[in-house]
Amino acid sequence: MDVDDVEQVAATGALPRWDRVQHLVVEAHARYRDHVAGDVADYIPVLAAVDPALFGVSVAVVDGELHEAGDTGVEFSVQSISKAFVYALVCEAYGHEAVRDRVGVNNTGLPFNSVMALELNDGHPMNPMVNAGALATTAMMPGGTPAEQWENVRTGLSRFAGRPLELDGVVYRSESETNIRNRAIARLLESYGRIETDPLEVVDVYTRQCALRVTARDLAVMGATLADGGVNPVTGERVVSAQVCRDTLAVLASTGLYERSGEWLFEIGLPAKSGVAGGIVAVAPGKGAIGTFSPPLDSAGNSVRGQRATAYLSRALGLNLFASSVHVPEKSESRP
């Protein structure tokens, strides 16, 4: 784009005062806690047994404030939300151009586990938020062995969350027994030269990353780290650069909710990522992030209550990136 010599300037506002944010988080939870639409994921056996009534809403502000309502301390597997943060770690390691060329940034318009999308695009994954792109991204994770790659994933996502994250062994084993399609996608990526290591080992690392245990509170803090230019607002640690945050949020805005990404951006106006365990993280750059957990999903694999709570908070807190109000200039004696 011929703008490499132009400094990236960020102009963002701020969230309302503490009590206003807390009130709205409680309101969002109360408004949708009895909503019963959606179904829990049943193609992964262990997820089919989760309590559909669980529901938590958390907001993390870039100054370190945390606001919560409901089941925000209940752990669940991060699933596809891990894609966003592994992508950020890989971008930090290899840079903007290398990851864009290998993985891509465009929406496929097809389901997250589509094989057809690969074939239609000559083996190019298209973006890191579908399974093909996520596998290609995980394959790029720094580490001399799969074990080292996995540990770098775990510690990297832990730095985003501000606490050590652990593997859910039950979820990992359950998904390992049913991830036949991902193994097929990885083999196909290998045939196109998009994965240069053992594709089945890549699938194993990817399956492990999806089985990391998080809470809605963790998701909010992880998202707020992206909102705050890569600095965790709770621990104060720099996790990734501001440039990587910009790249990650741009990809999330266009691809984070799978084939519903356009609808999400149109209605809610925030970069976001969902996971089939029921989590959603949505990020307001420079302000903070929303983390929600509710297992019942819509047909695209996105939490029903989570979408509604996020939409409510996006409107009530003024987070929509595309919302504006009429500017009324202040009168000044110096003006004619």
Foldseek 3Di string as FASTA:
>chain_A
DPCPVPDDDDDDDEWDDDVLLQVLQQVLCVVCLPPDDFAFDPLQPVRNPDDQSFKKKWWAWLLGDIHIDGPQPDKFFQALVLLLQLLLQLCQVPHDPVLCVLANQAAQLDALLDPVSCVVVLNHNHRSSRLLSVLLSLLSQDDPDLVRSLVCSQVLLCQLLVHRWDFDVVSLVSCVVRVPSSLVSLVSSVVSVSHDDDSVSSVSSSSRNRRIMHGLSSLQQSQQCLQNQQARSNPRDRSGGSVSSVVSFSSQCRDQLHSCSVVLCVQQQFRKHARSSAWIWTHQRNTTIMIMGGRGDDPSRYHPSVSSSSSSCCVSRVRRPPDDDDDDDDDDPPDD
